[in-house]
C-alpha atoms as a PDB file:
ATOM      1  CA  MET A   1     -32.952  13.300  89.612  1.00  0.00           C
ATOM      2  CA  ALA A   2     -31.048  12.146  86.574  1.00  0.00           C
ATOM      3  CA  VAL A   3     -28.855  14.265  85.029  1.00  0.00           C
ATOM      4  CA  PRO A   4     -29.087  13.576  80.784  1.00  0.00           C
ATOM      5  CA  GLU A   5     -25.856  11.568  79.356  1.00  0.00           C
ATOM      6  CA  LEU A   6     -23.751  13.138  76.986  1.00  0.00           C
ATOM      7  CA  PRO A   7     -23.078  10.672  74.264  1.00  0.00           C
ATOM      8  CA  LYS A   8     -20.113   8.866  73.770  1.00  0.00           C
ATOM      9  CA  GLN A   9     -17.462  11.227  71.923  1.00  0.00           C
ATOM     10  CA  HIS A  10     -14.009   8.882  71.065  1.00  0.00           C
ATOM     11  CA  GLN A  11     -13.636  11.335  68.108  1.00  0.00           C
ATOM     12  CA  ARG A  12      -9.875  12.839  67.431  1.00  0.00           C
ATOM     13  CA  SER A  13     -10.621  14.917  64.390  1.00  0.00           C
ATOM     14  CA  ARG A  14     -13.718  17.592  63.755  1.00  0.00           C
ATOM     15  CA  GLU A  15     -15.188  18.875  60.569  1.00  0.00           C
ATOM     16  CA  TYR A  16     -14.974  22.502  59.844  1.00  0.00           C
ATOM     17  CA  SER A  17     -18.401  23.078  57.065  1.00  0.00           C
ATOM     18  CA  GLY A  18     -16.709  19.826  55.055  1.00  0.00           C
ATOM     19  CA  GLU A  19     -13.808  21.232  53.919  1.00  0.00           C
ATOM     20  CA  LYS A  20     -11.088  20.114  55.988  1.00  0.00           C
ATOM     21  CA  GLN A  21     -10.173  18.005  59.092  1.00  0.00           C
ATOM     22  CA  ARG A  22      -8.536  18.582  62.388  1.00  0.00           C
ATOM     23  CA  ALA A  23      -6.553  16.088  64.495  1.00  0.00           C
ATOM     24  CA  PHE A  24      -6.976  16.812  68.442  1.00  0.00           C
ATOM     25  CA  SER A  25      -4.519  15.728  71.259  1.00  0.00           C
ATOM     26  CA  SER A  26      -5.480  13.788  73.895  1.00  0.00           C
ATOM     27  CA  LEU A  27      -5.480  16.629  76.146  1.00  0.00           C
ATOM     28  CA  GLN A  28      -7.059  19.035  73.542  1.00  0.00           C
ATOM     29  CA  LEU A  29      -9.781  16.493  73.313  1.00  0.00           C
ATOM     30  CA  PHE A  30     -10.047  15.982  77.455  1.00  0.00           C
ATOM     31  CA  PHE A  31     -10.662  19.552  77.852  1.00  0.00           C
ATOM     32  CA  LEU A  32     -13.504  20.147  74.742  1.00  0.00           C
ATOM     33  CA  VAL A  33     -15.176  17.464  75.893  1.00  0.00           C
ATOM     34  CA  ARG A  34     -15.431  18.053  79.448  1.00  0.00           C
ATOM     35  CA  LEU A  35     -16.364  22.033  78.652  1.00  0.00           C
ATOM     36  CA  SER A  36     -19.397  20.419  76.279  1.00  0.00           C
ATOM     37  CA  ARG A  37     -20.424  18.409  79.747  1.00  0.00           C
ATOM     38  CA  LEU A  38     -20.431  21.145  82.106  1.00  0.00           C
ATOM     39  CA  LEU A  39     -22.346  23.021  79.258  1.00  0.00           C
ATOM     40  CA  GLN A  40     -25.120  20.877  78.976  1.00  0.00           C
ATOM     41  CA  LEU A  41     -25.286  20.575  82.475  1.00  0.00           C
ATOM     42  CA  ARG A  42     -25.549  24.263  82.969  1.00  0.00           C
ATOM     43  CA  GLN A  43     -28.443  24.449  80.241  1.00  0.00           C
ATOM     44  CA  TYR A  44     -30.331  21.506  82.008  1.00  0.00           C
ATOM     45  CA  TYR A  45     -29.598  23.020  85.949  1.00  0.00           C
ATOM     46  CA  ALA A  46     -30.496  26.310  84.971  1.00  0.00           C
ATOM     47  CA  GLY A  47     -33.390  25.148  83.789  1.00  0.00           C
ATOM     48  CA  LEU A  48     -34.916  23.550  86.891  1.00  0.00           C
ATOM     49  CA  ALA A  49     -37.229  25.404  88.778  1.00  0.00           C
ATOM     50  CA  GLY A  50     -35.842  26.119  91.927  1.00  0.00           C
ATOM     51  CA  HIS A  51     -32.412  25.580  91.325  1.00  0.00           C
ATOM     52  CA  ASP A  52     -29.241  26.565  93.618  1.00  0.00           C
ATOM     53  CA  THR A  53     -27.681  29.714  92.366  1.00  0.00           C
ATOM     54  CA  ASN A  54     -24.758  28.793  94.323  1.00  0.00           C
ATOM     55  CA  GLU A  55     -24.865  25.404  92.205  1.00  0.00           C
ATOM     56  CA  LEU A  56     -24.960  27.251  89.213  1.00  0.00           C
ATOM     57  CA  ARG A  57     -22.129  29.697  90.068  1.00  0.00           C
ATOM     58  CA  LEU A  58     -20.055  26.678  91.053  1.00  0.00           C
ATOM     59  CA  LEU A  59     -20.834  25.343  87.212  1.00  0.00           C
ATOM     60  CA  ASP A  60     -19.995  29.074  85.586  1.00  0.00           C
ATOM     61  CA  ARG A  61     -16.646  29.037  87.392  1.00  0.00           C
ATOM     62  CA  ALA A  62     -15.516  25.322  86.296  1.00  0.00           C
ATOM     63  CA  ILE A  63     -16.562  26.445  82.654  1.00  0.00           C
ATOM     64  CA  PHE A  64     -14.837  29.363  82.652  1.00  0.00           C
ATOM     65  CA  ALA A  65     -11.364  27.345  84.125  1.00  0.00           C
ATOM     66  CA  THR A  66     -12.339  24.721  81.468  1.00  0.00           C
ATOM     67  CA  TYR A  67     -13.209  27.615  78.757  1.00  0.00           C
ATOM     68  CA  CYS A  68      -9.333  28.783  80.030  1.00  0.00           C
ATOM     69  CA  ASP A  69      -8.018  25.390  80.027  1.00  0.00           C
ATOM     70  CA  CYS A  70      -8.534  24.825  76.177  1.00  0.00           C
ATOM     71  CA  ILE A  71      -7.178  28.500  75.018  1.00  0.00           C
ATOM     72  CA  ASP A  72      -4.186  27.201  77.290  1.00  0.00           C
ATOM     73  CA  THR A  73      -3.974  23.876  74.748  1.00  0.00           C
ATOM     74  CA  GLY A  74      -4.645  25.670  71.616  1.00  0.00           C
ATOM     75  CA  VAL A  75      -8.286  25.063  71.019  1.00  0.00           C
ATOM     76  CA  GLY A  76      -9.805  28.128  72.185  1.00  0.00           C
ATOM     77  CA  GLU A  77     -11.445  28.675  68.573  1.00  0.00           C
ATOM     78  CA  ASP A  78     -13.221  25.376  69.281  1.00  0.00           C
ATOM     79  CA  ALA A  79     -14.566  25.902  72.753  1.00  0.00           C
ATOM     80  CA  ARG A  80     -15.772  29.235  71.409  1.00  0.00           C
ATOM     81  CA  ASP A  81     -17.481  27.387  68.703  1.00  0.00           C
ATOM     82  CA  LEU A  82     -19.127  25.074  71.375  1.00  0.00           C
ATOM     83  CA  PHE A  83     -20.795  28.222  73.530  1.00  0.00           C
ATOM     84  CA  SER A  84     -22.055  29.112  70.133  1.00  0.00           C
ATOM     85  CA  GLN A  85     -23.263  25.649  69.511  1.00  0.00           C
ATOM     86  CA  ARG A  86     -25.462  25.572  72.889  1.00  0.00           C
ATOM     87  CA  GLY A  87     -26.452  29.157  73.270  1.00  0.00           C
ATOM     88  CA  ALA A  88     -25.644  32.122  75.294  1.00  0.00           C
ATOM     89  CA  ILE A  89     -25.533  30.750  78.631  1.00  0.00           C
ATOM     90  CA  SER A  90     -27.753  33.055  80.714  1.00  0.00           C
ATOM     91  CA  LYS A  91     -27.153  34.813  83.636  1.00  0.00           C
ATOM     92  CA  SER A  92     -30.036  33.344  86.234  1.00  0.00           C
END
């Protein structure tokens, strides 16, 4: 079963409401892209019929750990924005 791919993101800045741009360090960008990918996988697998709840639990743990890494590197607000863009992750 094929998992959808994320578009390649090589941007080092992000636009906020057209007002300002913010530059990310490579570590910050790594964790934000990782979080985005994990959220995409979580959404994909949660929508499959007959999904394994243990797999979703592992994804949830990876998402939480990556979110904590985002907070530690100073991009917690950007990480929260990713959650709101993807919608709340429902408990299955």
